[in-house]
Amino acid sequence: MSPEMLKYSRIMRIVVLLFFIGYLLWQGTGLTYFFAAVCALFLAATCYQLWQSRD
């Protein structure tokens, strides 16, 4: 996969994770807070990958 495509797929992953975290927090139960925290870890990892692959 080309580096440009990897960059765009990571950006799309960030957008989806942000939307999903917002939805889980809006639901507001204990279990959804846990899954939102797990998604936040994936978000941090994706942001780190995107930051490391910058030009």
PDB file of N, CA and C in Angstrom:
ATOM      1  N   MET A   1       0.852  -1.174   0.000  1.00  0.00           N
ATOM      2  CA  MET A   1       0.000   0.000   0.000  1.00  0.00           C
ATOM      3  C   MET A   1       0.897   1.235   0.000  1.00  0.00           C
ATOM      4  N   SER A   2       0.502   2.229  -0.745  1.00  0.00           N
ATOM      5  CA  SER A   2       1.323   3.434  -0.846  1.00  0.00           C
ATOM      6  C   SER A   2       1.266   4.237   0.453  1.00  0.00           C
ATOM      7  N   PRO A   3       2.306   5.007   0.725  1.00  0.00           N
ATOM      8  CA  PRO A   3       2.318   5.819   1.950  1.00  0.00           C
ATOM      9  C   PRO A   3       1.163   6.822   2.014  1.00  0.00           C
ATOM     10  N   GLU A   4       0.777   7.344   0.861  1.00  0.00           N
ATOM     11  CA  GLU A   4      -0.335   8.300   0.829  1.00  0.00           C
ATOM     12  C   GLU A   4      -1.647   7.623   1.230  1.00  0.00           C
ATOM     13  N   MET A   5      -1.831   6.393   0.770  1.00  0.00           N
ATOM     14  CA  MET A   5      -3.049   5.658   1.113  1.00  0.00           C
ATOM     15  C   MET A   5      -3.066   5.300   2.597  1.00  0.00           C
ATOM     16  N   LEU A   6      -1.915   4.947   3.154  1.00  0.00           N
ATOM     17  CA  LEU A   6      -1.835   4.675   4.591  1.00  0.00           C
ATOM     18  C   LEU A   6      -2.218   5.912   5.398  1.00  0.00           C
ATOM     19  N   LYS A   7      -1.742   7.064   4.937  1.00  0.00           N
ATOM     20  CA  LYS A   7      -2.059   8.319   5.624  1.00  0.00           C
ATOM     21  C   LYS A   7      -3.567   8.567   5.629  1.00  0.00           C
ATOM     22  N   TYR A   8      -4.204   8.389   4.471  1.00  0.00           N
ATOM     23  CA  TYR A   8      -5.646   8.628   4.394  1.00  0.00           C
ATOM     24  C   TYR A   8      -6.441   7.599   5.201  1.00  0.00           C
ATOM     25  N   SER A   9      -5.981   6.358   5.227  1.00  0.00           N
ATOM     26  CA  SER A   9      -6.699   5.351   6.010  1.00  0.00           C
ATOM     27  C   SER A   9      -6.583   5.640   7.506  1.00  0.00           C
ATOM     28  N   ARG A  10      -5.447   6.164   7.938  1.00  0.00           N
ATOM     29  CA  ARG A  10      -5.300   6.530   9.350  1.00  0.00           C
ATOM     30  C   ARG A  10      -6.172   7.728   9.701  1.00  0.00           C
ATOM     31  N   ILE A  11      -6.282   8.676   8.791  1.00  0.00           N
ATOM     32  CA  ILE A  11      -7.156   9.830   9.035  1.00  0.00           C
ATOM     33  C   ILE A  11      -8.610   9.374   9.127  1.00  0.00           C
ATOM     34  N   MET A  12      -9.013   8.461   8.240  1.00  0.00           N
ATOM     35  CA  MET A  12     -10.384   7.934   8.304  1.00  0.00           C
ATOM     36  C   MET A  12     -10.617   7.180   9.609  1.00  0.00           C
ATOM     37  N   ARG A  13      -9.611   6.431  10.062  1.00  0.00           N
ATOM     38  CA  ARG A  13      -9.730   5.701  11.330  1.00  0.00           C
ATOM     39  C   ARG A  13      -9.901   6.676  12.488  1.00  0.00           C
ATOM     40  N   ILE A  14      -9.180   7.799  12.458  1.00  0.00           N
ATOM     41  CA  ILE A  14      -9.303   8.804  13.518  1.00  0.00           C
ATOM     42  C   ILE A  14     -10.713   9.379  13.548  1.00  0.00           C
ATOM     43  N   VAL A  15     -11.252   9.700  12.376  1.00  0.00           N
ATOM     44  CA  VAL A  15     -12.602  10.266  12.309  1.00  0.00           C
ATOM     45  C   VAL A  15     -13.634   9.277  12.847  1.00  0.00           C
ATOM     46  N   VAL A  16     -13.525   8.016  12.448  1.00  0.00           N
ATOM     47  CA  VAL A  16     -14.473   6.998  12.909  1.00  0.00           C
ATOM     48  C   VAL A  16     -14.350   6.790  14.413  1.00  0.00           C
ATOM     49  N   LEU A  17     -13.117   6.725  14.920  1.00  0.00           N
ATOM     50  CA  LEU A  17     -12.932   6.537  16.361  1.00  0.00           C
ATOM     51  C   LEU A  17     -13.487   7.716  17.152  1.00  0.00           C
ATOM     52  N   LEU A  18     -13.280   8.934  16.666  1.00  0.00           N
ATOM     53  CA  LEU A  18     -13.827  10.100  17.367  1.00  0.00           C
ATOM     54  C   LEU A  18     -15.353  10.050  17.413  1.00  0.00           C
ATOM     55  N   PHE A  19     -15.969   9.695  16.288  1.00  0.00           N
ATOM     56  CA  PHE A  19     -17.420   9.577  16.253  1.00  0.00           C
ATOM     57  C   PHE A  19     -17.905   8.491  17.213  1.00  0.00           C
ATOM     58  N   PHE A  20     -17.231   7.341  17.196  1.00  0.00           N
ATOM     59  CA  PHE A  20     -17.647   6.222  18.033  1.00  0.00           C
ATOM     60  C   PHE A  20     -17.445   6.532  19.514  1.00  0.00           C
ATOM     61  N   ILE A  21     -16.350   7.199  19.862  1.00  0.00           N
ATOM     62  CA  ILE A  21     -16.117   7.590  21.256  1.00  0.00           C
ATOM     63  C   ILE A  21     -17.201   8.558  21.713  1.00  0.00           C
ATOM     64  N   GLY A  22     -17.538   9.518  20.867  1.00  0.00           N
ATOM     65  CA  GLY A  22     -18.603  10.457  21.206  1.00  0.00           C
ATOM     66  C   GLY A  22     -19.934   9.758  21.417  1.00  0.00           C
ATOM     67  N   TYR A  23     -20.240   8.798  20.552  1.00  0.00           N
ATOM     68  CA  TYR A  23     -21.484   8.044  20.693  1.00  0.00           C
ATOM     69  C   TYR A  23     -21.500   7.249  21.996  1.00  0.00           C
ATOM     70  N   LEU A  24     -20.391   6.597  22.319  1.00  0.00           N
ATOM     71  CA  LEU A  24     -20.330   5.806  23.548  1.00  0.00           C
ATOM     72  C   LEU A  24     -20.452   6.691  24.782  1.00  0.00           C
ATOM     73  N   LEU A  25     -19.818   7.847  24.757  1.00  0.00           N
ATOM     74  CA  LEU A  25     -19.931   8.756  25.898  1.00  0.00           C
ATOM     75  C   LEU A  25     -21.343   9.308  26.026  1.00  0.00           C
ATOM     76  N   TRP A  26     -22.014   9.501  24.905  1.00  0.00           N
ATOM     77  CA  TRP A  26     -23.387  10.001  24.919  1.00  0.00           C
ATOM     78  C   TRP A  26     -24.326   8.969  25.546  1.00  0.00           C
ATOM     79  N   GLN A  27     -24.032   7.678  25.354  1.00  0.00           N
ATOM     80  CA  GLN A  27     -24.855   6.622  25.947  1.00  0.00           C
ATOM     81  C   GLN A  27     -24.757   6.650  27.469  1.00  0.00           C
ATOM     82  N   GLY A  28     -23.576   6.869  27.999  1.00  0.00           N
ATOM     83  CA  GLY A  28     -23.391   7.159  29.413  1.00  0.00           C
ATOM     84  C   GLY A  28     -23.588   6.035  30.405  1.00  0.00           C
ATOM     85  N   THR A  29     -23.261   4.800  30.054  1.00  0.00           N
ATOM     86  CA  THR A  29     -23.288   3.729  31.051  1.00  0.00           C
ATOM     87  C   THR A  29     -21.855   3.327  31.381  1.00  0.00           C
ATOM     88  N   GLY A  30     -21.695   2.565  32.437  1.00  0.00           N
ATOM     89  CA  GLY A  30     -20.354   2.169  32.857  1.00  0.00           C
ATOM     90  C   GLY A  30     -19.612   1.358  31.810  1.00  0.00           C
ATOM     91  N   LEU A  31     -20.327   0.442  31.164  1.00  0.00           N
ATOM     92  CA  LEU A  31     -19.695  -0.394  30.152  1.00  0.00           C
ATOM     93  C   LEU A  31     -19.284   0.428  28.927  1.00  0.00           C
ATOM     94  N   THR A  32     -20.115   1.376  28.541  1.00  0.00           N
ATOM     95  CA  THR A  32     -19.749   2.189  27.380  1.00  0.00           C
ATOM     96  C   THR A  32     -18.580   3.115  27.700  1.00  0.00           C
ATOM     97  N   TYR A  33     -18.454   3.559  28.955  1.00  0.00           N
ATOM     98  CA  TYR A  33     -17.272   4.343  29.335  1.00  0.00           C
ATOM     99  C   TYR A  33     -16.005   3.501  29.194  1.00  0.00           C
ATOM    100  N   PHE A  34     -16.093   2.225  29.564  1.00  0.00           N
ATOM    101  CA  PHE A  34     -14.942   1.333  29.422  1.00  0.00           C
ATOM    102  C   PHE A  34     -14.552   1.189  27.954  1.00  0.00           C
ATOM    103  N   PHE A  35     -15.541   0.941  27.095  1.00  0.00           N
ATOM    104  CA  PHE A  35     -15.238   0.780  25.676  1.00  0.00           C
ATOM    105  C   PHE A  35     -14.763   2.093  25.054  1.00  0.00           C
ATOM    106  N   ALA A  36     -15.255   3.217  25.541  1.00  0.00           N
ATOM    107  CA  ALA A  36     -14.758   4.507  25.061  1.00  0.00           C
ATOM    108  C   ALA A  36     -13.293   4.687  25.440  1.00  0.00           C
ATOM    109  N   ALA A  37     -12.910   4.217  26.620  1.00  0.00           N
ATOM    110  CA  ALA A  37     -11.506   4.295  27.029  1.00  0.00           C
ATOM    111  C   ALA A  37     -10.632   3.404  26.148  1.00  0.00           C
ATOM    112  N   VAL A  38     -11.130   2.224  25.804  1.00  0.00           N
ATOM    113  CA  VAL A  38     -10.381   1.339  24.903  1.00  0.00           C
ATOM    114  C   VAL A  38     -10.227   1.996  23.531  1.00  0.00           C
ATOM    115  N   CYS A  39     -11.295   2.602  23.045  1.00  0.00           N
ATOM    116  CA  CYS A  39     -11.222   3.307  21.764  1.00  0.00           C
ATOM    117  C   CYS A  39     -10.256   4.484  21.840  1.00  0.00           C
ATOM    118  N   ALA A  40     -10.192   5.136  22.987  1.00  0.00           N
ATOM    119  CA  ALA A  40      -9.251   6.245  23.154  1.00  0.00           C
ATOM    120  C   ALA A  40      -7.811   5.752  23.060  1.00  0.00           C
ATOM    121  N   LEU A  41      -7.545   4.540  23.547  1.00  0.00           N
ATOM    122  CA  LEU A  41      -6.203   3.966  23.387  1.00  0.00           C
ATOM    123  C   LEU A  41      -5.883   3.719  21.916  1.00  0.00           C
ATOM    124  N   PHE A  42      -6.851   3.184  21.180  1.00  0.00           N
ATOM    125  CA  PHE A  42      -6.652   2.994  19.744  1.00  0.00           C
ATOM    126  C   PHE A  42      -6.475   4.339  19.036  1.00  0.00           C
ATOM    127  N   LEU A  43      -7.204   5.345  19.475  1.00  0.00           N
ATOM    128  CA  LEU A  43      -7.067   6.678  18.901  1.00  0.00           C
ATOM    129  C   LEU A  43      -5.669   7.229  19.146  1.00  0.00           C
ATOM    130  N   ALA A  44      -5.164   7.056  20.356  1.00  0.00           N
ATOM    131  CA  ALA A  44      -3.813   7.526  20.669  1.00  0.00           C
ATOM    132  C   ALA A  44      -2.775   6.794  19.821  1.00  0.00           C
ATOM    133  N   ALA A  45      -2.942   5.490  19.651  1.00  0.00           N
ATOM    134  CA  ALA A  45      -2.000   4.721  18.830  1.00  0.00           C
ATOM    135  C   ALA A  45      -2.044   5.167  17.373  1.00  0.00           C
ATOM    136  N   THR A  46      -3.241   5.437  16.867  1.00  0.00           N
ATOM    137  CA  THR A  46      -3.380   5.881  15.488  1.00  0.00           C
ATOM    138  C   THR A  46      -2.774   7.267  15.297  1.00  0.00           C
ATOM    139  N   CYS A  47      -3.001   8.159  16.240  1.00  0.00           N
ATOM    140  CA  CYS A  47      -2.399   9.495  16.155  1.00  0.00           C
ATOM    141  C   CYS A  47      -0.881   9.404  16.197  1.00  0.00           C
ATOM    142  N   TYR A  48      -0.361   8.518  17.031  1.00  0.00           N
ATOM    143  CA  TYR A  48       1.085   8.324  17.106  1.00  0.00           C
ATOM    144  C   TYR A  48       1.629   7.795  15.775  1.00  0.00           C
ATOM    145  N   GLN A  49       0.932   6.831  15.166  1.00  0.00           N
ATOM    146  CA  GLN A  49       1.358   6.306  13.869  1.00  0.00           C
ATOM    147  C   GLN A  49       1.342   7.398  12.809  1.00  0.00           C
ATOM    148  N   LEU A  50       0.301   8.210  12.818  1.00  0.00           N
ATOM    149  CA  LEU A  50       0.206   9.292  11.842  1.00  0.00           C
ATOM    150  C   LEU A  50       1.305  10.317  12.066  1.00  0.00           C
ATOM    151  N   TRP A  51       1.613  10.607  13.321  1.00  0.00           N
ATOM    152  CA  TRP A  51       2.659  11.572  13.646  1.00  0.00           C
ATOM    153  C   TRP A  51       4.031  11.037  13.232  1.00  0.00           C
ATOM    154  N   GLN A  52       4.272   9.750  13.435  1.00  0.00           N
ATOM    155  CA  GLN A  52       5.560   9.153  13.071  1.00  0.00           C
ATOM    156  C   GLN A  52       5.757   9.084  11.558  1.00  0.00           C
ATOM    157  N   SER A  53       4.686   9.008  10.799  1.00  0.00           N
ATOM    158  CA  SER A  53       4.805   8.869   9.346  1.00  0.00           C
ATOM    159  C   SER A  53       4.727  10.201   8.610  1.00  0.00           C
ATOM    160  N   ARG A  54       4.784  11.302   9.340  1.00  0.00           N
ATOM    161  CA  ARG A  54       4.690  12.604   8.679  1.00  0.00           C
ATOM    162  C   ARG A  54       5.895  12.805   7.758  1.00  0.00           C
ATOM    163  N   ASP A  55       5.727  13.658   6.791  1.00  0.00           N
ATOM    164  CA  ASP A  55       6.793  13.892   5.793  1.00  0.00           C
ATOM    165  C   ASP A  55       7.906  14.735   6.325  1.00  0.00           C
TER     166      ASP A  55
END
